[in-house]
């Protein structure tokens, strides 16, 4: 089965943009910073480097590519089915493992929910794009 690399690229860009929006003041930045136990000044002083942004983008591409490979094993795809496959992959892979890690690392549940919510929406969004553009 062939993977539509253009759909993977578009999905990767969508995931990257979602990341910027998710962790912005428009959505969860203030709560996320507080739950980390850091101040905004501490995070700003650490500074995000271009390499960090590139790495986040590559991670989004890898997520989209892996999901594209999985989606290609399904027939009769619709955007809704792509969203469901993305959601299922999150529940069975990312959500379950990250929740177990959060429990043992004593990560606040609200912090896990913000981070994992981003992952869930990323998987669903990429699933929609990849299924619609197959």
C-alpha atoms as a PDB file:
ATOM      1  CA  UNK A   1       0.000   0.000   0.000  1.00  0.00           C
ATOM      2  CA  UNK A   2       1.171   3.465  -0.835  1.00  0.00           C
ATOM      3  CA  UNK A   3       1.229   6.341   1.607  1.00  0.00           C
ATOM      4  CA  UNK A   4       0.113   9.728   0.291  1.00  0.00           C
ATOM      5  CA  UNK A   5       3.143  11.780   1.313  1.00  0.00           C
ATOM      6  CA  UNK A   6       1.430  15.064   0.501  1.00  0.00           C
ATOM      7  CA  UNK A   7      -1.402  14.151   2.900  1.00  0.00           C
ATOM      8  CA  UNK A   8       1.223  13.222   5.498  1.00  0.00           C
ATOM      9  CA  UNK A   9       2.915  16.604   5.010  1.00  0.00           C
ATOM     10  CA  UNK A  10      -0.389  18.485   5.313  1.00  0.00           C
ATOM     11  CA  UNK A  11      -1.271  16.444   8.415  1.00  0.00           C
ATOM     12  CA  UNK A  12       2.150  17.177   9.904  1.00  0.00           C
ATOM     13  CA  UNK A  13       1.670  20.900   9.293  1.00  0.00           C
ATOM     14  CA  UNK A  14      -1.826  20.721  10.830  1.00  0.00           C
ATOM     15  CA  UNK A  15      -0.431  18.975  13.920  1.00  0.00           C
ATOM     16  CA  UNK A  16       2.330  21.593  14.223  1.00  0.00           C
ATOM     17  CA  UNK A  17      -0.156  24.469  13.942  1.00  0.00           C
ATOM     18  CA  UNK A  18      -2.459  22.779  16.458  1.00  0.00           C
ATOM     19  CA  UNK A  19       0.496  22.511  18.851  1.00  0.00           C
ATOM     20  CA  UNK A  20       1.137  26.229  18.618  1.00  0.00           C
ATOM     21  CA  UNK A  21      -2.522  27.008  19.201  1.00  0.00           C
ATOM     22  CA  UNK A  22      -3.018  24.421  21.976  1.00  0.00           C
ATOM     23  CA  UNK A  23      -0.161  25.744  24.086  1.00  0.00           C
ATOM     24  CA  UNK A  24      -0.905  29.413  23.360  1.00  0.00           C
ATOM     25  CA  UNK A  25      -2.619  31.925  25.650  1.00  0.00           C
ATOM     26  CA  UNK A  26      -5.771  31.400  23.554  1.00  0.00           C
ATOM     27  CA  UNK A  27      -6.181  27.891  24.944  1.00  0.00           C
ATOM     28  CA  UNK A  28      -4.098  26.215  27.650  1.00  0.00           C
ATOM     29  CA  UNK A  29      -0.803  28.097  28.066  1.00  0.00           C
ATOM     30  CA  UNK A  30      -1.554  29.718  31.408  1.00  0.00           C
ATOM     31  CA  UNK A  31      -2.951  26.568  33.050  1.00  0.00           C
ATOM     32  CA  UNK A  32      -0.233  24.372  31.503  1.00  0.00           C
ATOM     33  CA  UNK A  33       2.575  26.602  32.818  1.00  0.00           C
ATOM     34  CA  UNK A  34       1.012  26.660  36.284  1.00  0.00           C
ATOM     35  CA  UNK A  35       0.650  22.871  36.331  1.00  0.00           C
ATOM     36  CA  UNK A  36       4.312  22.503  35.353  1.00  0.00           C
ATOM     37  CA  UNK A  37       5.167  24.386  38.545  1.00  0.00           C
ATOM     38  CA  UNK A  38       7.119  26.984  36.613  1.00  0.00           C
ATOM     39  CA  UNK A  39       6.637  30.634  35.877  1.00  0.00           C
ATOM     40  CA  UNK A  40       6.185  32.055  32.405  1.00  0.00           C
ATOM     41  CA  UNK A  41       9.455  33.912  32.933  1.00  0.00           C
ATOM     42  CA  UNK A  42      11.306  30.642  33.616  1.00  0.00           C
ATOM     43  CA  UNK A  43      10.011  29.110  30.406  1.00  0.00           C
ATOM     44  CA  UNK A  44      10.729  32.238  28.394  1.00  0.00           C
ATOM     45  CA  UNK A  45      14.267  32.463  29.773  1.00  0.00           C
ATOM     46  CA  UNK A  46      14.939  28.858  28.749  1.00  0.00           C
ATOM     47  CA  UNK A  47      13.935  29.939  25.246  1.00  0.00           C
ATOM     48  CA  UNK A  48      12.622  27.804  22.445  1.00  0.00           C
ATOM     49  CA  UNK A  49      15.255  27.283  19.780  1.00  0.00           C
ATOM     50  CA  UNK A  50      14.683  26.758  16.056  1.00  0.00           C
ATOM     51  CA  UNK A  51      15.869  23.170  16.551  1.00  0.00           C
ATOM     52  CA  UNK A  52      13.104  22.599  19.101  1.00  0.00           C
ATOM     53  CA  UNK A  53      10.477  23.828  16.635  1.00  0.00           C
ATOM     54  CA  UNK A  54      11.964  21.668  13.875  1.00  0.00           C
ATOM     55  CA  UNK A  55      11.928  18.642  16.178  1.00  0.00           C
ATOM     56  CA  UNK A  56       8.277  19.222  17.089  1.00  0.00           C
ATOM     57  CA  UNK A  57       7.438  19.471  13.371  1.00  0.00           C
ATOM     58  CA  UNK A  58       9.299  16.231  12.608  1.00  0.00           C
ATOM     59  CA  UNK A  59       7.427  14.529  15.468  1.00  0.00           C
ATOM     60  CA  UNK A  60       4.154  15.642  13.874  1.00  0.00           C
ATOM     61  CA  UNK A  61       5.297  14.229  10.533  1.00  0.00           C
ATOM     62  CA  UNK A  62       6.195  10.916  12.174  1.00  0.00           C
ATOM     63  CA  UNK A  63       2.803  10.774  13.867  1.00  0.00           C
ATOM     64  CA  UNK A  64       1.051  11.496  10.562  1.00  0.00           C
ATOM     65  CA  UNK A  65       3.141   8.936   8.691  1.00  0.00           C
ATOM     66  CA  UNK A  66       2.516   6.201  11.256  1.00  0.00           C
ATOM     67  CA  UNK A  67      -1.196   6.932  11.235  1.00  0.00           C
ATOM     68  CA  UNK A  68      -1.196   6.917   7.412  1.00  0.00           C
ATOM     69  CA  UNK A  69       0.322   3.423   7.397  1.00  0.00           C
ATOM     70  CA  UNK A  70      -2.349   2.211   9.817  1.00  0.00           C
ATOM     71  CA  UNK A  71      -5.193   3.922   7.929  1.00  0.00           C
ATOM     72  CA  UNK A  72      -4.044   2.314   4.684  1.00  0.00           C
ATOM     73  CA  UNK A  73      -5.018  -1.063   6.125  1.00  0.00           C
ATOM     74  CA  UNK A  74      -8.679  -0.036   6.212  1.00  0.00           C
ATOM     75  CA  UNK A  75     -11.091   0.066   3.319  1.00  0.00           C
ATOM     76  CA  UNK A  76     -14.078   2.292   2.658  1.00  0.00           C
ATOM     77  CA  UNK A  77     -12.581   5.302   4.370  1.00  0.00           C
ATOM     78  CA  UNK A  78     -14.518   8.425   5.185  1.00  0.00           C
ATOM     79  CA  UNK A  79     -13.360  11.424   7.219  1.00  0.00           C
ATOM     80  CA  UNK A  80     -15.484  10.140  10.124  1.00  0.00           C
ATOM     81  CA  UNK A  81     -13.854   6.718   9.944  1.00  0.00           C
ATOM     82  CA  UNK A  82     -10.427   8.395   9.782  1.00  0.00           C
ATOM     83  CA  UNK A  83     -11.305  10.348  12.929  1.00  0.00           C
ATOM     84  CA  UNK A  84     -12.405   7.139  14.635  1.00  0.00           C
ATOM     85  CA  UNK A  85      -9.199   5.324  13.664  1.00  0.00           C
ATOM     86  CA  UNK A  86      -7.142   8.272  14.934  1.00  0.00           C
ATOM     87  CA  UNK A  87      -9.087   8.279  18.200  1.00  0.00           C
ATOM     88  CA  UNK A  88      -8.714   4.527  18.583  1.00  0.00           C
ATOM     89  CA  UNK A  89      -4.958   4.741  17.974  1.00  0.00           C
ATOM     90  CA  UNK A  90      -4.725   7.430  20.631  1.00  0.00           C
ATOM     91  CA  UNK A  91      -6.723   5.387  23.181  1.00  0.00           C
ATOM     92  CA  UNK A  92      -4.854   2.152  22.532  1.00  0.00           C
ATOM     93  CA  UNK A  93      -1.363   3.533  22.125  1.00  0.00           C
ATOM     94  CA  UNK A  94      -0.656   7.080  23.248  1.00  0.00           C
ATOM     95  CA  UNK A  95      -3.399   7.683  25.808  1.00  0.00           C
ATOM     96  CA  UNK A  96      -2.963   4.429  27.666  1.00  0.00           C
ATOM     97  CA  UNK A  97       0.820   4.545  27.897  1.00  0.00           C
ATOM     98  CA  UNK A  98       1.018   8.238  28.761  1.00  0.00           C
ATOM     99  CA  UNK A  99      -1.610   7.833  31.490  1.00  0.00           C
ATOM    100  CA  UNK A 100       0.333   4.972  33.074  1.00  0.00           C
ATOM    101  CA  UNK A 101       3.492   7.072  32.967  1.00  0.00           C
ATOM    102  CA  UNK A 102       1.655  10.052  34.455  1.00  0.00           C
ATOM    103  CA  UNK A 103       0.391   7.953  37.354  1.00  0.00           C
ATOM    104  CA  UNK A 104       3.832   6.764  38.390  1.00  0.00           C
ATOM    105  CA  UNK A 105       5.555  10.094  37.786  1.00  0.00           C
ATOM    106  CA  UNK A 106       2.920  11.809  39.953  1.00  0.00           C
ATOM    107  CA  UNK A 107       2.093  14.164  37.079  1.00  0.00           C
ATOM    108  CA  UNK A 108      -1.023  16.189  37.877  1.00  0.00           C
ATOM    109  CA  UNK A 109      -4.064  14.737  36.126  1.00  0.00           C
ATOM    110  CA  UNK A 110      -4.967  18.137  34.684  1.00  0.00           C
ATOM    111  CA  UNK A 111      -1.499  18.401  33.108  1.00  0.00           C
ATOM    112  CA  UNK A 112      -1.886  14.926  31.610  1.00  0.00           C
ATOM    113  CA  UNK A 113      -5.298  15.944  30.270  1.00  0.00           C
ATOM    114  CA  UNK A 114      -3.919  19.058  28.556  1.00  0.00           C
ATOM    115  CA  UNK A 115      -0.977  17.208  27.011  1.00  0.00           C
ATOM    116  CA  UNK A 116      -2.968  14.124  26.081  1.00  0.00           C
ATOM    117  CA  UNK A 117      -5.881  16.188  24.834  1.00  0.00           C
ATOM    118  CA  UNK A 118      -3.491  17.759  22.345  1.00  0.00           C
ATOM    119  CA  UNK A 119      -2.387  14.300  21.241  1.00  0.00           C
ATOM    120  CA  UNK A 120      -5.962  13.070  20.908  1.00  0.00           C
ATOM    121  CA  UNK A 121      -7.003  16.045  18.786  1.00  0.00           C
ATOM    122  CA  UNK A 122      -3.823  15.630  16.692  1.00  0.00           C
ATOM    123  CA  UNK A 123      -4.594  11.983  15.987  1.00  0.00           C
ATOM    124  CA  UNK A 124      -8.226  12.715  15.122  1.00  0.00           C
ATOM    125  CA  UNK A 125      -7.326  15.684  12.912  1.00  0.00           C
ATOM    126  CA  UNK A 126      -4.639  13.727  11.069  1.00  0.00           C
ATOM    127  CA  UNK A 127      -7.006  10.772  10.719  1.00  0.00           C
ATOM    128  CA  UNK A 128      -9.583  12.997   9.056  1.00  0.00           C
ATOM    129  CA  UNK A 129      -7.061  14.535   6.662  1.00  0.00           C
ATOM    130  CA  UNK A 130      -5.438  11.214   5.788  1.00  0.00           C
ATOM    131  CA  UNK A 131      -8.728   9.395   5.232  1.00  0.00           C
ATOM    132  CA  UNK A 132     -10.214  12.202   3.153  1.00  0.00           C
ATOM    133  CA  UNK A 133      -7.070  12.567   1.057  1.00  0.00           C
ATOM    134  CA  UNK A 134      -6.271   8.943   0.462  1.00  0.00           C
END
